[in-house]
Amino acid sequence: MPIDIEAILHGDALRSLLNAAFHGAGTIEILGGDLNRHRMEVTEIEMQGRETRVTLTAMGVGQRLI
C-alpha cells in the first residue's frame, strides 16, 4: 500500500518541487524518519486561495546509504 504525505509549500520550496516533478530537475526524497531516503512522486496538487497543498507518494523502498 503506498504511503502518502501532504505538504503545504510556498515560494522557493514550491518552485523547486515543481521543477523536480515536471522538468526532471533532480529527485524528490524524504530525509529522516520512517521514510528516510524514499523517492517520492507528486500525485496531486491542490491550489486554494494562497495555499498550495501537494500530495507526495512513496515509490518503492528507501535507498541505502553507502
Protein backbone atom coordinates (compact mmCIF):
# COMPACT_ATOMS: atom_id res chain seq x y z
CA MET A 1 0.00 0.00 0.00
CA PRO A 2 1.51 3.38 -0.99
CA ILE A 3 2.36 5.92 1.69
CA ASP A 4 1.18 9.49 1.07
CA ILE A 5 2.43 12.72 2.61
CA GLU A 6 0.70 16.08 2.27
CA ALA A 7 2.78 19.25 2.33
CA ILE A 8 1.80 22.90 2.10
CA LEU A 9 4.50 24.69 0.12
CA HIS A 10 5.22 28.32 -0.75
CA GLY A 11 7.78 30.28 -2.77
CA ASP A 12 11.12 28.62 -3.49
CA ALA A 13 10.06 25.30 -1.92
CA LEU A 14 7.08 25.05 -4.27
CA ARG A 15 9.10 26.11 -7.35
CA SER A 16 11.83 23.58 -6.54
CA LEU A 17 9.32 20.74 -6.12
CA LEU A 18 7.50 21.60 -9.35
CA ASN A 19 10.79 21.76 -11.27
CA ALA A 20 11.82 18.34 -9.95
CA ALA A 21 8.41 16.83 -10.71
CA PHE A 22 7.79 18.21 -14.17
CA HIS A 23 11.15 19.13 -15.68
CA GLY A 24 13.38 16.34 -14.35
CA ALA A 25 15.45 18.84 -12.34
CA GLY A 26 16.56 16.40 -9.63
CA THR A 27 14.65 13.97 -7.47
CA ILE A 28 12.18 14.29 -4.63
CA GLU A 29 13.17 12.36 -1.50
CA ILE A 30 12.13 12.34 2.14
CA LEU A 31 15.07 12.62 4.51
CA GLY A 32 14.71 11.42 8.09
CA GLY A 33 12.04 9.48 9.93
CA ASP A 34 10.38 6.29 8.72
CA LEU A 35 10.59 7.36 5.06
CA ASN A 36 14.29 8.24 5.09
CA ARG A 37 15.76 8.17 1.55
CA HIS A 38 12.44 7.17 -0.08
CA ARG A 39 11.90 8.61 -3.54
CA MET A 40 8.61 10.44 -3.79
CA GLU A 41 6.33 11.25 -6.70
CA VAL A 42 3.88 14.15 -6.88
CA THR A 43 0.42 12.58 -7.16
CA GLU A 44 -1.82 15.57 -6.50
CA ILE A 45 -1.61 19.36 -6.42
CA GLU A 46 -4.47 21.34 -4.91
CA MET A 47 -4.49 25.13 -5.05
CA GLN A 48 -6.95 27.13 -2.99
CA GLY A 49 -6.51 30.82 -2.32
CA ARG A 50 -2.86 31.47 -1.36
CA GLU A 51 -2.24 27.87 -0.32
CA THR A 52 -0.79 25.06 -2.44
CA ARG A 53 -1.16 21.56 -0.98
CA VAL A 54 0.98 18.87 -2.61
CA THR A 55 0.48 15.14 -2.09
CA LEU A 56 3.62 13.01 -2.39
CA THR A 57 3.52 9.22 -2.70
CA ALA A 58 6.45 6.97 -1.71
CA MET A 59 7.77 4.99 -4.67
CA GLY A 60 9.45 1.74 -3.68
CA VAL A 61 11.85 1.16 -0.82
CA GLY A 62 14.30 3.64 0.65
CA GLN A 63 17.80 3.76 -0.77
CA ARG A 64 20.63 2.52 1.38
CA LEU A 65 23.43 4.88 2.29
CA ILE A 66 26.86 3.59 1.29
